[in-house]
Amino acid sequence: MLALSNSAGLVLLVLGGIFVVAAIAALVLRGRVTREPAPDIPPAMQPGPSDPALETPLLQKLQGWGVLLVAFFVLWIPYTWLIEPSANLKQEKLLRTEAIERGSRMVQLFSEENQLGVGCVRCHGPELRGGVIAFGTGYNYPPNLTTICGGASTGHAAIKSLADIYATIQQGRTGTAMPSWSIRYQGALDDQQINDIVNYLVFMSSKNVPFKDNICTNPEAVKAATSPSPSASPSGTSGATGASGATGATGATGATGAGS
C-alpha cells in the first residue's frame, strides 16, 4: 500500500510540474501581444487610457498569483502524500517508545526518584516473574507477567487477547488479590496510565513468547485462543466443568496477573 501511494505521489508530482511550466509559459506568451506602432500624437492631445488598458495589468497580476497558488498546491499535496506515511510511522514508534518507558517505571515501587511508580512488583515479584502474597486466610500466587502474551500456552488461561489484559487491570479479578485499577472501577489509574503499563507488558512479554503464540501481536494466535476447541464436549455438564476449571486457572494465573 505504501509503495502504491509513493508511485501515485510521484506521478502527481511530475504532472503537477508539467502543469505549472505550461501555465507559466501560457502567461508569458499571452503578454507578448504584437501591437502596431501608435500614431505620433502630441501628449496633450492623446486620449485617456481605455478600460482594457487599465484593467489588463491588474487582471494579469491576479492571474499570476493564482497560477503561483495552484502551483504551490499541485506540488505540496503530492509531496505531503509521499512523506506523510513515514512521518506517521515515526511518530507512532516514538509514542510507543515513550509509553513503554513510562510503563517500565510505573510497575516499580513509588519513590522520590520514581514518582510514576504504582507498585506492580509488590505482588508480582521484583522482576514481574510471579510472587506469593497473603490473601484471606491463605496465600495467592500472582503470576509471571513476563509471559502474559502467551495466554493459555504460558499458564494464563483467562487471557485470550489484548483486551483481556486491559480488562484485568481495569476491573481486577473477583476471588483473587488482583484489585481494580481503573478510575472507572474505583481504582487509581486513568486510561493513559493503564495503556502505558500494557504497552510495557506487551513489549516485555513479546521477548519471551514466540510470535505464533503471542495473543498481543498475532491475530492468528487470538483466533486460536478464542475459537472453541474441536474436542470440547457439547454436553452441559462438561461445559460447566470446563468453566469451573477455567475459573480456577484464572485465580492462579492470568486473572491475578495481567494487572499490577
Protein backbone atom coordinates (compact mmCIF):
# COMPACT_ATOMS: atom_id res chain seq x y z
CA MET A 1 0.00 0.00 0.00
CA LEU A 2 2.84 2.39 0.84
CA ALA A 3 4.56 1.58 -2.47
CA LEU A 4 1.36 2.31 -4.36
CA SER A 5 0.99 5.62 -2.53
CA ASN A 6 4.59 6.60 -3.35
CA SER A 7 4.12 5.76 -7.03
CA ALA A 8 0.89 7.74 -7.24
CA GLY A 9 2.52 10.65 -5.45
CA LEU A 10 5.45 10.71 -7.89
CA VAL A 11 3.07 10.67 -10.85
CA LEU A 12 1.09 13.58 -9.40
CA LEU A 13 4.31 15.45 -8.69
CA VAL A 14 5.51 15.08 -12.31
CA LEU A 15 2.12 16.01 -13.78
CA GLY A 16 1.92 18.98 -11.44
CA GLY A 17 5.35 20.19 -12.56
CA ILE A 18 4.33 19.91 -16.21
CA PHE A 19 1.11 21.83 -15.50
CA VAL A 20 2.99 24.61 -13.73
CA VAL A 21 5.50 25.01 -16.57
CA ALA A 22 2.71 25.06 -19.16
CA ALA A 23 0.72 27.66 -17.20
CA ILE A 24 3.71 29.96 -16.80
CA ALA A 25 4.57 29.62 -20.49
CA ALA A 26 0.98 30.49 -21.45
CA LEU A 27 1.05 33.63 -19.32
CA VAL A 28 4.39 34.75 -20.79
CA LEU A 29 3.25 34.18 -24.37
CA ARG A 30 -0.04 35.92 -23.66
CA GLY A 31 1.80 39.05 -22.57
CA ARG A 32 3.71 39.23 -25.84
CA VAL A 33 0.95 40.74 -27.94
CA THR A 34 2.15 42.38 -31.16
CA ARG A 35 0.95 45.92 -31.42
CA GLU A 36 1.05 48.33 -34.33
CA PRO A 37 3.09 51.48 -33.77
CA ALA A 38 0.95 54.24 -32.33
CA PRO A 39 0.50 57.47 -34.32
CA ASP A 40 2.65 60.42 -33.33
CA ILE A 41 0.13 62.47 -31.36
CA PRO A 42 1.21 65.24 -29.01
CA PRO A 43 0.78 64.21 -25.36
CA ALA A 44 -1.80 66.94 -24.69
CA MET A 45 -4.00 65.67 -27.48
CA GLN A 46 -3.70 61.94 -26.69
CA PRO A 47 -6.91 60.26 -25.45
CA GLY A 48 -7.09 58.80 -21.96
CA PRO A 49 -6.35 55.09 -21.45
CA SER A 50 -9.16 52.72 -22.30
CA ASP A 51 -10.81 50.41 -19.75
CA PRO A 52 -8.98 47.29 -21.05
CA ALA A 53 -5.67 49.15 -20.79
CA LEU A 54 -6.42 49.99 -17.17
CA GLU A 55 -7.80 46.59 -16.19
CA THR A 56 -5.44 44.24 -18.07
CA PRO A 57 -2.36 44.75 -15.83
CA LEU A 58 -4.41 44.11 -12.70
CA LEU A 59 -6.04 41.07 -14.27
CA GLN A 60 -2.69 39.65 -15.33
CA LYS A 61 -1.29 40.21 -11.84
CA LEU A 62 -4.22 38.36 -10.27
CA GLN A 63 -3.86 35.54 -12.78
CA GLY A 64 -0.15 35.28 -12.00
CA TRP A 65 -0.77 34.97 -8.25
CA GLY A 66 -3.49 32.43 -9.00
CA VAL A 67 -1.05 30.31 -11.01
CA LEU A 68 1.50 30.51 -8.19
CA LEU A 69 -1.13 29.41 -5.65
CA VAL A 70 -2.23 26.50 -7.83
CA ALA A 71 1.40 25.54 -8.41
CA PHE A 72 2.03 25.51 -4.67
CA PHE A 73 -0.85 23.10 -4.01
CA VAL A 74 -0.04 20.98 -7.08
CA LEU A 75 3.46 20.39 -5.70
CA TRP A 76 2.69 20.41 -1.99
CA ILE A 77 -0.13 17.83 -1.98
CA PRO A 78 1.87 15.02 -3.69
CA TYR A 79 4.90 15.87 -1.55
CA THR A 80 2.81 15.56 1.61
CA TRP A 81 1.33 12.33 0.30
CA LEU A 82 4.83 10.94 -0.12
CA ILE A 83 6.23 11.86 3.31
CA GLU A 84 3.12 11.52 5.49
CA PRO A 85 3.10 7.70 5.86
CA SER A 86 6.71 7.55 7.03
CA ALA A 87 6.17 10.56 9.29
CA ASN A 88 3.17 8.87 10.88
CA LEU A 89 5.13 5.65 11.40
CA LYS A 90 7.99 7.56 13.07
CA GLN A 91 5.56 9.40 15.33
CA GLU A 92 3.76 6.19 16.26
CA LYS A 93 7.07 4.48 17.05
CA LEU A 94 8.17 7.43 19.20
CA LEU A 95 4.89 7.48 21.12
CA ARG A 96 5.09 3.73 21.75
CA THR A 97 8.69 4.02 22.93
CA GLU A 98 7.75 6.77 25.36
CA ALA A 99 4.78 4.74 26.62
CA ILE A 100 6.98 1.68 27.21
CA GLU A 101 9.49 3.80 29.12
CA ARG A 102 6.74 5.23 31.35
CA GLY A 103 5.26 1.76 31.84
CA SER A 104 8.61 0.35 32.94
CA ARG A 105 8.72 2.97 35.68
CA MET A 106 5.08 2.56 36.69
CA VAL A 107 5.40 -1.14 37.53
CA GLN A 108 8.11 -0.29 40.07
CA LEU A 109 7.53 0.98 43.59
CA PHE A 110 6.78 4.64 44.19
CA SER A 111 9.74 6.67 45.42
CA GLU A 112 11.05 10.19 45.38
CA GLU A 113 13.06 9.33 42.27
CA ASN A 114 10.23 7.36 40.64
CA GLN A 115 7.01 9.26 41.22
CA LEU A 116 5.26 7.30 38.47
CA GLY A 117 5.55 4.07 40.45
CA VAL A 118 2.37 2.08 41.04
CA GLY A 119 4.00 -0.98 42.60
CA CYS A 120 3.12 -3.99 40.45
CA VAL A 121 6.36 -5.58 41.68
CA ARG A 122 4.96 -5.67 45.21
CA CYS A 123 2.75 -8.63 44.29
CA HIS A 124 4.24 -9.96 41.05
CA GLY A 125 7.84 -10.06 42.21
CA PRO A 126 10.81 -7.73 41.64
CA GLU A 127 11.13 -8.82 38.01
CA LEU A 128 7.39 -9.45 37.50
CA ARG A 129 8.06 -13.19 37.27
CA GLY A 130 5.46 -14.11 39.88
CA GLY A 131 5.15 -13.90 43.63
CA VAL A 132 3.43 -15.15 46.77
CA ILE A 133 1.25 -12.89 48.92
CA ALA A 134 -1.09 -13.40 51.85
CA PHE A 135 -4.72 -13.38 50.80
CA GLY A 136 -7.60 -14.01 53.17
CA THR A 137 -6.73 -16.97 55.35
CA GLY A 138 -4.23 -18.38 52.86
CA TYR A 139 -1.98 -17.31 50.05
CA ASN A 140 -2.37 -16.05 46.49
CA TYR A 141 0.12 -16.55 43.68
CA PRO A 142 0.29 -13.58 41.29
CA PRO A 143 1.59 -14.99 38.00
CA ASN A 144 4.54 -14.30 35.79
CA LEU A 145 3.77 -11.18 33.76
CA THR A 146 6.79 -11.59 31.51
CA THR A 147 4.90 -14.30 29.59
CA ILE A 148 1.36 -12.92 29.77
CA CYS A 149 1.07 -12.56 25.98
CA GLY A 150 1.36 -16.32 25.68
CA GLY A 151 -2.15 -16.74 27.07
CA ALA A 152 -3.02 -20.33 27.96
CA SER A 153 0.22 -21.61 26.41
CA THR A 154 2.20 -19.93 29.22
CA GLY A 155 -0.25 -20.54 32.04
CA HIS A 156 -2.55 -17.50 31.64
CA ALA A 157 -5.77 -19.34 30.89
CA ALA A 158 -8.02 -16.29 31.29
CA ILE A 159 -6.00 -14.17 28.84
CA LYS A 160 -7.12 -14.77 25.25
CA SER A 161 -6.49 -11.34 23.72
CA LEU A 162 -5.03 -7.94 24.48
CA ALA A 163 -8.48 -6.78 25.57
CA ASP A 164 -8.39 -9.33 28.42
CA ILE A 165 -5.19 -7.75 29.76
CA TYR A 166 -6.81 -4.32 29.74
CA ALA A 167 -9.96 -5.70 31.39
CA THR A 168 -7.99 -7.47 34.11
CA ILE A 169 -6.05 -4.34 35.04
CA GLN A 170 -9.09 -2.10 34.82
CA GLN A 171 -11.61 -4.30 36.65
CA GLY A 172 -9.45 -6.68 38.67
CA ARG A 173 -10.39 -10.34 39.25
CA THR A 174 -13.05 -11.44 41.66
CA GLY A 175 -11.86 -14.02 44.16
CA THR A 176 -8.20 -13.11 43.78
CA ALA A 177 -5.85 -10.48 45.20
CA MET A 178 -5.96 -8.53 41.92
CA PRO A 179 -7.83 -5.25 42.59
CA SER A 180 -9.40 -2.92 40.04
CA TRP A 181 -7.04 -0.17 38.98
CA SER A 182 -9.14 1.95 36.63
CA ILE A 183 -10.75 5.11 37.98
CA ARG A 184 -13.92 3.89 36.26
CA TYR A 185 -13.96 0.96 38.69
CA GLN A 186 -12.95 2.82 41.85
CA GLY A 187 -9.26 2.42 41.06
CA ALA A 188 -6.40 4.92 40.98
CA LEU A 189 -5.22 4.92 37.35
CA ASP A 190 -6.54 6.71 34.29
CA ASP A 191 -6.66 5.20 30.79
CA GLN A 192 -3.30 6.65 29.76
CA GLN A 193 -1.52 5.12 32.75
CA ILE A 194 -3.09 1.71 32.14
CA ASN A 195 -2.20 1.94 28.45
CA ASP A 196 1.44 2.64 29.38
CA ILE A 197 1.56 -0.41 31.65
CA VAL A 198 0.01 -2.65 28.98
CA ASN A 199 2.47 -1.38 26.36
CA TYR A 200 5.34 -2.28 28.68
CA LEU A 201 3.90 -5.73 29.43
CA VAL A 202 3.45 -6.43 25.72
CA PHE A 203 6.99 -5.24 24.98
CA MET A 204 8.49 -7.34 27.78
CA SER A 205 6.33 -10.41 27.20
CA SER A 206 6.95 -10.46 23.45
CA LYS A 207 10.61 -11.14 24.17
CA ASN A 208 9.69 -14.41 25.89
CA VAL A 209 6.70 -15.61 23.85
CA PRO A 210 7.02 -16.91 20.25
CA PHE A 211 5.10 -14.84 17.72
CA LYS A 212 2.91 -17.80 16.74
CA ASP A 213 1.58 -17.96 20.34
CA ASN A 214 1.55 -14.20 21.01
CA ILE A 215 -2.07 -13.14 21.56
CA CYS A 216 -0.94 -9.49 21.94
CA THR A 217 0.55 -9.07 18.46
CA ASN A 218 -0.57 -12.05 16.35
CA PRO A 219 -4.22 -12.05 15.16
CA GLU A 220 -3.96 -15.75 14.30
CA ALA A 221 -3.00 -16.57 17.89
CA VAL A 222 -6.05 -14.62 19.09
CA LYS A 223 -8.30 -16.62 16.76
CA ALA A 224 -6.82 -19.88 18.01
CA ALA A 225 -7.25 -18.82 21.64
CA THR A 226 -10.86 -17.66 21.25
CA SER A 227 -12.07 -20.45 18.94
CA PRO A 228 -13.82 -23.35 20.70
CA SER A 229 -11.74 -26.49 20.88
CA PRO A 230 -12.90 -29.24 18.44
CA SER A 231 -12.61 -31.78 21.24
CA ALA A 232 -14.82 -29.78 23.61
CA SER A 233 -17.82 -31.76 24.80
CA PRO A 234 -21.20 -30.30 23.79
CA SER A 235 -22.88 -31.55 26.96
CA GLY A 236 -23.90 -29.01 29.56
CA THR A 237 -22.21 -30.90 32.41
CA SER A 238 -18.83 -30.97 30.67
CA GLY A 239 -19.17 -27.29 29.76
CA ALA A 240 -19.85 -26.35 33.34
CA THR A 241 -16.85 -28.38 34.47
CA GLY A 242 -14.67 -26.61 31.87
CA ALA A 243 -15.88 -23.21 33.01
CA SER A 244 -15.12 -24.11 36.59
CA GLY A 245 -11.64 -25.24 35.60
CA ALA A 246 -11.04 -22.03 33.70
CA THR A 247 -12.06 -20.03 36.76
CA GLY A 248 -9.60 -21.95 38.86
CA ALA A 249 -6.83 -21.33 36.36
CA THR A 250 -7.76 -17.70 36.40
CA GLY A 251 -7.22 -17.40 40.09
CA ALA A 252 -3.80 -19.00 39.83
CA THR A 253 -2.53 -17.35 36.68
CA GLY A 254 -3.91 -14.81 34.21
CA ALA A 255 -6.61 -13.46 36.48
CA THR A 256 -4.28 -12.23 39.11
CA GLY A 257 -1.56 -11.43 36.74
CA ALA A 258 -2.48 -9.19 33.94
CA GLY A 259 -2.54 -6.21 36.18
CA SER A 260 -0.15 -4.69 38.54
